[in-house]
PDB file of N, CA and C in Angstrom:
ATOM      1  N   MET A   1       6.107 -41.542  -8.466  1.00  0.00           N
ATOM      2  CA  MET A   1       5.911 -40.258  -7.828  1.00  0.00           C
ATOM      3  C   MET A   1       4.458 -40.063  -7.418  1.00  0.00           C
ATOM      4  N   GLY A   2       3.525 -40.170  -8.320  1.00  0.00           N
ATOM      5  CA  GLY A   2       2.116 -40.110  -7.978  1.00  0.00           C
ATOM      6  C   GLY A   2       1.652 -38.746  -7.496  1.00  0.00           C
ATOM      7  N   ASN A   3       0.476 -38.759  -6.917  1.00  0.00           N
ATOM      8  CA  ASN A   3      -0.125 -37.526  -6.391  1.00  0.00           C
ATOM      9  C   ASN A   3       0.281 -37.333  -4.944  1.00  0.00           C
ATOM     10  N   GLN A   4       1.173 -36.426  -4.695  1.00  0.00           N
ATOM     11  CA  GLN A   4       1.565 -36.135  -3.324  1.00  0.00           C
ATOM     12  C   GLN A   4       0.919 -34.811  -2.915  1.00  0.00           C
ATOM     13  N   ALA A   5       0.419 -34.794  -1.706  1.00  0.00           N
ATOM     14  CA  ALA A   5      -0.170 -33.560  -1.199  1.00  0.00           C
ATOM     15  C   ALA A   5       0.933 -32.556  -0.925  1.00  0.00           C
ATOM     16  N   SER A   6       0.676 -31.323  -1.272  1.00  0.00           N
ATOM     17  CA  SER A   6       1.667 -30.297  -0.973  1.00  0.00           C
ATOM     18  C   SER A   6       1.183 -29.482   0.220  1.00  0.00           C
ATOM     19  N   GLY A   7       2.104 -28.934   0.958  1.00  0.00           N
ATOM     20  CA  GLY A   7       1.726 -28.156   2.121  1.00  0.00           C
ATOM     21  C   GLY A   7       1.543 -29.031   3.340  1.00  0.00           C
ATOM     22  N   ARG A   8       1.182 -28.400   4.392  1.00  0.00           N
ATOM     23  CA  ARG A   8       1.025 -29.099   5.661  1.00  0.00           C
ATOM     24  C   ARG A   8      -0.394 -29.656   5.803  1.00  0.00           C
ATOM     25  N   PRO A   9      -0.536 -30.928   6.168  1.00  0.00           N
ATOM     26  CA  PRO A   9      -1.877 -31.471   6.379  1.00  0.00           C
ATOM     27  C   PRO A   9      -2.599 -30.685   7.475  1.00  0.00           C
ATOM     28  N   GLY A  10      -3.786 -30.260   7.188  1.00  0.00           N
ATOM     29  CA  GLY A  10      -4.552 -29.497   8.177  1.00  0.00           C
ATOM     30  C   GLY A  10      -4.308 -27.999   8.088  1.00  0.00           C
ATOM     31  N   GLY A  11      -3.369 -27.562   7.251  1.00  0.00           N
ATOM     32  CA  GLY A  11      -3.110 -26.142   7.080  1.00  0.00           C
ATOM     33  C   GLY A  11      -2.203 -25.574   8.169  1.00  0.00           C
ATOM     34  N   ASN A  12      -1.960 -24.298   8.096  1.00  0.00           N
ATOM     35  CA  ASN A  12      -1.094 -23.605   9.048  1.00  0.00           C
ATOM     36  C   ASN A  12      -1.953 -23.045  10.180  1.00  0.00           C
ATOM     37  N   PRO A  13      -1.734 -23.475  11.416  1.00  0.00           N
ATOM     38  CA  PRO A  13      -2.556 -22.972  12.517  1.00  0.00           C
ATOM     39  C   PRO A  13      -2.283 -21.488  12.821  1.00  0.00           C
ATOM     40  N   ASP A  14      -1.157 -20.957  12.346  1.00  0.00           N
ATOM     41  CA  ASP A  14      -0.826 -19.548  12.568  1.00  0.00           C
ATOM     42  C   ASP A  14      -1.084 -18.698  11.332  1.00  0.00           C
ATOM     43  N   LEU A  15      -2.003 -19.127  10.479  1.00  0.00           N
ATOM     44  CA  LEU A  15      -2.255 -18.446   9.219  1.00  0.00           C
ATOM     45  C   LEU A  15      -2.618 -16.974   9.418  1.00  0.00           C
ATOM     46  N   GLU A  16      -3.393 -16.653  10.434  1.00  0.00           N
ATOM     47  CA  GLU A  16      -3.813 -15.264  10.656  1.00  0.00           C
ATOM     48  C   GLU A  16      -2.609 -14.341  10.838  1.00  0.00           C
ATOM     49  N   ALA A  17      -1.537 -14.850  11.384  1.00  0.00           N
ATOM     50  CA  ALA A  17      -0.341 -14.027  11.602  1.00  0.00           C
ATOM     51  C   ALA A  17       0.334 -13.660  10.291  1.00  0.00           C
ATOM     52  N   TYR A  18       0.048 -14.390   9.208  1.00  0.00           N
ATOM     53  CA  TYR A  18       0.722 -14.164   7.930  1.00  0.00           C
ATOM     54  C   TYR A  18      -0.185 -13.556   6.865  1.00  0.00           C
ATOM     55  N   GLN A  19      -1.431 -13.312   7.178  1.00  0.00           N
ATOM     56  CA  GLN A  19      -2.340 -12.778   6.176  1.00  0.00           C
ATOM     57  C   GLN A  19      -2.074 -11.296   5.942  1.00  0.00           C
ATOM     58  N   PHE A  20      -2.445 -10.842   4.770  1.00  0.00           N
ATOM     59  CA  PHE A  20      -2.262  -9.441   4.415  1.00  0.00           C
ATOM     60  C   PHE A  20      -3.231  -8.567   5.195  1.00  0.00           C
ATOM     61  N   GLU A  21      -2.726  -7.425   5.624  1.00  0.00           N
ATOM     62  CA  GLU A  21      -3.582  -6.450   6.288  1.00  0.00           C
ATOM     63  C   GLU A  21      -3.824  -5.307   5.323  1.00  0.00           C
ATOM     64  N   LYS A  22      -5.009  -4.739   5.399  1.00  0.00           N
ATOM     65  CA  LYS A  22      -5.315  -3.581   4.576  1.00  0.00           C
ATOM     66  C   LYS A  22      -4.424  -2.430   5.043  1.00  0.00           C
ATOM     67  N   LYS A  23      -3.697  -1.822   4.112  1.00  0.00           N
ATOM     68  CA  LYS A  23      -2.729  -0.801   4.473  1.00  0.00           C
ATOM     69  C   LYS A  23      -3.295   0.614   4.411  1.00  0.00           C
ATOM     70  N   TYR A  24      -4.489   0.767   3.881  1.00  0.00           N
ATOM     71  CA  TYR A  24      -5.027   2.096   3.687  1.00  0.00           C
ATOM     72  C   TYR A  24      -6.522   2.101   3.955  1.00  0.00           C
ATOM     73  N   ASP A  25      -7.066   3.295   4.111  1.00  0.00           N
ATOM     74  CA  ASP A  25      -8.490   3.438   4.434  1.00  0.00           C
ATOM     75  C   ASP A  25      -9.295   3.987   3.260  1.00  0.00           C
ATOM     76  N   TRP A  26      -8.987   3.544   2.071  1.00  0.00           N
ATOM     77  CA  TRP A  26      -9.682   4.035   0.889  1.00  0.00           C
ATOM     78  C   TRP A  26     -10.896   3.150   0.603  1.00  0.00           C
ATOM     79  N   ASP A  27     -11.914   3.747  -0.042  1.00  0.00           N
ATOM     80  CA  ASP A  27     -13.114   2.990  -0.388  1.00  0.00           C
ATOM     81  C   ASP A  27     -12.863   1.998  -1.518  1.00  0.00           C
ATOM     82  N   GLU A  28     -11.853   2.252  -2.308  1.00  0.00           N
ATOM     83  CA  GLU A  28     -11.529   1.365  -3.420  1.00  0.00           C
ATOM     84  C   GLU A  28     -10.039   1.035  -3.377  1.00  0.00           C
ATOM     85  N   PRO A  29      -9.629  -0.043  -4.017  1.00  0.00           N
ATOM     86  CA  PRO A  29      -8.211  -0.411  -3.970  1.00  0.00           C
ATOM     87  C   PRO A  29      -7.343   0.610  -4.698  1.00  0.00           C
ATOM     88  N   CYS A  30      -6.138   0.791  -4.227  1.00  0.00           N
ATOM     89  CA  CYS A  30      -5.180   1.717  -4.846  1.00  0.00           C
ATOM     90  C   CYS A  30      -4.426   0.974  -5.938  1.00  0.00           C
ATOM     91  N   THR A  31      -5.051   0.871  -7.117  1.00  0.00           N
ATOM     92  CA  THR A  31      -4.448   0.116  -8.205  1.00  0.00           C
ATOM     93  C   THR A  31      -3.950   1.013  -9.336  1.00  0.00           C
ATOM     94  N   ALA A  32      -4.373   2.273  -9.375  1.00  0.00           N
ATOM     95  CA  ALA A  32      -3.926   3.185 -10.428  1.00  0.00           C
ATOM     96  C   ALA A  32      -2.517   3.680 -10.107  1.00  0.00           C
ATOM     97  N   SER A  33      -1.759   3.934 -11.156  1.00  0.00           N
ATOM     98  CA  SER A  33      -0.387   4.387 -10.987  1.00  0.00           C
ATOM     99  C   SER A  33      -0.269   5.833 -11.455  1.00  0.00           C
ATOM    100  N   LEU A  34       0.589   6.594 -10.791  1.00  0.00           N
ATOM    101  CA  LEU A  34       0.824   7.992 -11.141  1.00  0.00           C
ATOM    102  C   LEU A  34       2.321   8.223 -11.138  1.00  0.00           C
ATOM    103  N   SER A  35       2.808   8.901 -12.152  1.00  0.00           N
ATOM    104  CA  SER A  35       4.232   9.196 -12.232  1.00  0.00           C
ATOM    105  C   SER A  35       4.401  10.701 -12.344  1.00  0.00           C
ATOM    106  N   LEU A  36       5.339  11.251 -11.573  1.00  0.00           N
ATOM    107  CA  LEU A  36       5.622  12.669 -11.675  1.00  0.00           C
ATOM    108  C   LEU A  36       7.089  12.908 -11.393  1.00  0.00           C
ATOM    109  N   ARG A  37       7.571  14.030 -11.865  1.00  0.00           N
ATOM    110  CA  ARG A  37       8.982  14.368 -11.678  1.00  0.00           C
ATOM    111  C   ARG A  37       9.114  15.352 -10.525  1.00  0.00           C
ATOM    112  N   ILE A  38      10.056  15.026  -9.616  1.00  0.00           N
ATOM    113  CA  ILE A  38      10.346  15.896  -8.483  1.00  0.00           C
ATOM    114  C   ILE A  38      11.867  16.021  -8.359  1.00  0.00           C
ATOM    115  N   PRO A  39      12.341  17.059  -7.683  1.00  0.00           N
ATOM    116  CA  PRO A  39      13.787  17.180  -7.486  1.00  0.00           C
ATOM    117  C   PRO A  39      14.333  15.996  -6.681  1.00  0.00           C
ATOM    118  N   PRO A  40      15.541  15.547  -6.999  1.00  0.00           N
ATOM    119  CA  PRO A  40      16.123  14.391  -6.300  1.00  0.00           C
ATOM    120  C   PRO A  40      16.200  14.562  -4.782  1.00  0.00           C
ATOM    121  N   ASN A  41      16.488  15.767  -4.301  1.00  0.00           N
ATOM    122  CA  ASN A  41      16.601  15.942  -2.848  1.00  0.00           C
ATOM    123  C   ASN A  41      15.253  15.755  -2.148  1.00  0.00           C
ATOM    124  N   ILE A  42      14.169  16.131  -2.809  1.00  0.00           N
ATOM    125  CA  ILE A  42      12.840  15.909  -2.227  1.00  0.00           C
ATOM    126  C   ILE A  42      12.534  14.416  -2.203  1.00  0.00           C
ATOM    127  N   LYS A  43      12.896  13.713  -3.272  1.00  0.00           N
ATOM    128  CA  LYS A  43      12.659  12.266  -3.315  1.00  0.00           C
ATOM    129  C   LYS A  43      13.420  11.565  -2.192  1.00  0.00           C
ATOM    130  N   GLU A  44      14.667  11.950  -1.978  1.00  0.00           N
ATOM    131  CA  GLU A  44      15.467  11.341  -0.910  1.00  0.00           C
ATOM    132  C   GLU A  44      14.827  11.567   0.458  1.00  0.00           C
ATOM    133  N   LYS A  45      14.377  12.791   0.714  1.00  0.00           N
ATOM    134  CA  LYS A  45      13.736  13.105   1.995  1.00  0.00           C
ATOM    135  C   LYS A  45      12.428  12.340   2.148  1.00  0.00           C
ATOM    136  N   LEU A  46      11.662  12.286   1.056  1.00  0.00           N
ATOM    137  CA  LEU A  46      10.369  11.607   1.076  1.00  0.00           C
ATOM    138  C   LEU A  46      10.525  10.138   1.429  1.00  0.00           C
ATOM    139  N   LYS A  47      11.505   9.476   0.847  1.00  0.00           N
ATOM    140  CA  LYS A  47      11.698   8.046   1.073  1.00  0.00           C
ATOM    141  C   LYS A  47      12.152   7.723   2.492  1.00  0.00           C
ATOM    142  N   THR A  48      12.595   8.724   3.250  1.00  0.00           N
ATOM    143  CA  THR A  48      12.988   8.475   4.635  1.00  0.00           C
ATOM    144  C   THR A  48      11.789   8.482   5.572  1.00  0.00           C
ATOM    145  N   LEU A  49      10.648   8.992   5.112  1.00  0.00           N
ATOM    146  CA  LEU A  49       9.451   9.046   5.947  1.00  0.00           C
ATOM    147  C   LEU A  49       8.823   7.664   6.085  1.00  0.00           C
ATOM    148  N   PRO A  50       8.388   7.297   7.286  1.00  0.00           N
ATOM    149  CA  PRO A  50       7.686   6.023   7.426  1.00  0.00           C
ATOM    150  C   PRO A  50       6.358   6.073   6.663  1.00  0.00           C
ATOM    151  N   ASN A  51       6.043   4.997   5.968  1.00  0.00           N
ATOM    152  CA  ASN A  51       4.785   4.869   5.231  1.00  0.00           C
ATOM    153  C   ASN A  51       4.599   6.028   4.251  1.00  0.00           C
ATOM    154  N   TRP A  52       5.671   6.376   3.538  1.00  0.00           N
ATOM    155  CA  TRP A  52       5.648   7.573   2.702  1.00  0.00           C
ATOM    156  C   TRP A  52       4.619   7.504   1.574  1.00  0.00           C
ATOM    157  N   GLN A  53       4.372   6.322   1.014  1.00  0.00           N
ATOM    158  CA  GLN A  53       3.409   6.226  -0.086  1.00  0.00           C
ATOM    159  C   GLN A  53       2.008   6.645   0.363  1.00  0.00           C
ATOM    160  N   GLU A  54       1.597   6.149   1.528  1.00  0.00           N
ATOM    161  CA  GLU A  54       0.260   6.487   2.019  1.00  0.00           C
ATOM    162  C   GLU A  54       0.177   7.969   2.379  1.00  0.00           C
ATOM    163  N   ARG A  55       1.243   8.522   2.898  1.00  0.00           N
ATOM    164  CA  ARG A  55       1.262   9.942   3.237  1.00  0.00           C
ATOM    165  C   ARG A  55       1.114  10.799   1.985  1.00  0.00           C
ATOM    166  N   VAL A  56       1.747  10.388   0.891  1.00  0.00           N
ATOM    167  CA  VAL A  56       1.618  11.122  -0.368  1.00  0.00           C
ATOM    168  C   VAL A  56       0.192  10.996  -0.901  1.00  0.00           C
ATOM    169  N   ARG A  57      -0.393   9.797  -0.816  1.00  0.00           N
ATOM    170  CA  ARG A  57      -1.784   9.627  -1.264  1.00  0.00           C
ATOM    171  C   ARG A  57      -2.716  10.557  -0.501  1.00  0.00           C
ATOM    172  N   LYS A  58      -2.530  10.609   0.823  1.00  0.00           N
ATOM    173  CA  LYS A  58      -3.395  11.459   1.651  1.00  0.00           C
ATOM    174  C   LYS A  58      -3.180  12.937   1.353  1.00  0.00           C
ATOM    175  N   ALA A  59      -1.941  13.341   1.078  1.00  0.00           N
ATOM    176  CA  ALA A  59      -1.660  14.742   0.746  1.00  0.00           C
ATOM    177  C   ALA A  59      -2.344  15.128  -0.571  1.00  0.00           C
ATOM    178  N   ILE A  60      -2.294  14.240  -1.551  1.00  0.00           N
ATOM    179  CA  ILE A  60      -2.954  14.507  -2.829  1.00  0.00           C
ATOM    180  C   ILE A  60      -4.463  14.583  -2.633  1.00  0.00           C
ATOM    181  N   ALA A  61      -5.014  13.668  -1.864  1.00  0.00           N
ATOM    182  CA  ALA A  61      -6.457  13.675  -1.597  1.00  0.00           C
ATOM    183  C   ALA A  61      -6.868  14.963  -0.876  1.00  0.00           C
ATOM    184  N   ALA A  62      -6.047  15.428   0.069  1.00  0.00           N
ATOM    185  CA  ALA A  62      -6.354  16.663   0.799  1.00  0.00           C
ATOM    186  C   ALA A  62      -6.360  17.860  -0.145  1.00  0.00           C
ATOM    187  N   GLU A  63      -5.414  17.894  -1.073  1.00  0.00           N
ATOM    188  CA  GLU A  63      -5.383  18.990  -2.051  1.00  0.00           C
ATOM    189  C   GLU A  63      -6.621  18.973  -2.932  1.00  0.00           C
ATOM    190  N   LEU A  64      -7.041  17.790  -3.335  1.00  0.00           N
ATOM    191  CA  LEU A  64      -8.241  17.684  -4.166  1.00  0.00           C
ATOM    192  C   LEU A  64      -9.484  18.123  -3.395  1.00  0.00           C
ATOM    193  N   GLU A  65      -9.547  17.773  -2.108  1.00  0.00           N
ATOM    194  CA  GLU A  65     -10.679  18.209  -1.277  1.00  0.00           C
ATOM    195  C   GLU A  65     -10.709  19.725  -1.150  1.00  0.00           C
ATOM    196  N   LYS A  66      -9.544  20.364  -1.000  1.00  0.00           N
ATOM    197  CA  LYS A  66      -9.478  21.821  -0.924  1.00  0.00           C
ATOM    198  C   LYS A  66     -10.032  22.445  -2.192  1.00  0.00           C
ATOM    199  N   GLU A  67      -9.689  21.881  -3.332  1.00  0.00           N
ATOM    200  CA  GLU A  67     -10.172  22.400  -4.625  1.00  0.00           C
ATOM    201  C   GLU A  67     -11.685  22.294  -4.718  1.00  0.00           C
ATOM    202  N   GLU A  68     -12.256  21.218  -4.178  1.00  0.00           N
ATOM    203  CA  GLU A  68     -13.707  21.031  -4.231  1.00  0.00           C
ATOM    204  C   GLU A  68     -14.435  22.034  -3.345  1.00  0.00           C
ATOM    205  N   ASP A  69     -13.758  22.482  -2.282  1.00  0.00           N
ATOM    206  CA  ASP A  69     -14.385  23.430  -1.350  1.00  0.00           C
ATOM    207  C   ASP A  69     -14.400  24.853  -1.872  1.00  0.00           C
ATOM    208  N   ILE A  70     -13.619  25.131  -2.914  1.00  0.00           N
ATOM    209  CA  ILE A  70     -13.539  26.501  -3.432  1.00  0.00           C
ATOM    210  C   ILE A  70     -14.773  26.857  -4.227  1.00  0.00           C
TER     211      ILE A  70
END
């Protein structure tokens, strides 16, 4: 068997098409987790929104900014 190279020699020429894109505009990575209880009907509606996680993050950030302005 020996040492066989894995992958394509020379790499993937279309690598840029498969790389991860930054999904958010935060100064730091979104690695913290938050859990909260909401009514099931709100959860169902929320999950139908495109990019719902980022929209919730921005809504929470906006509320925190409002509190700082008071």
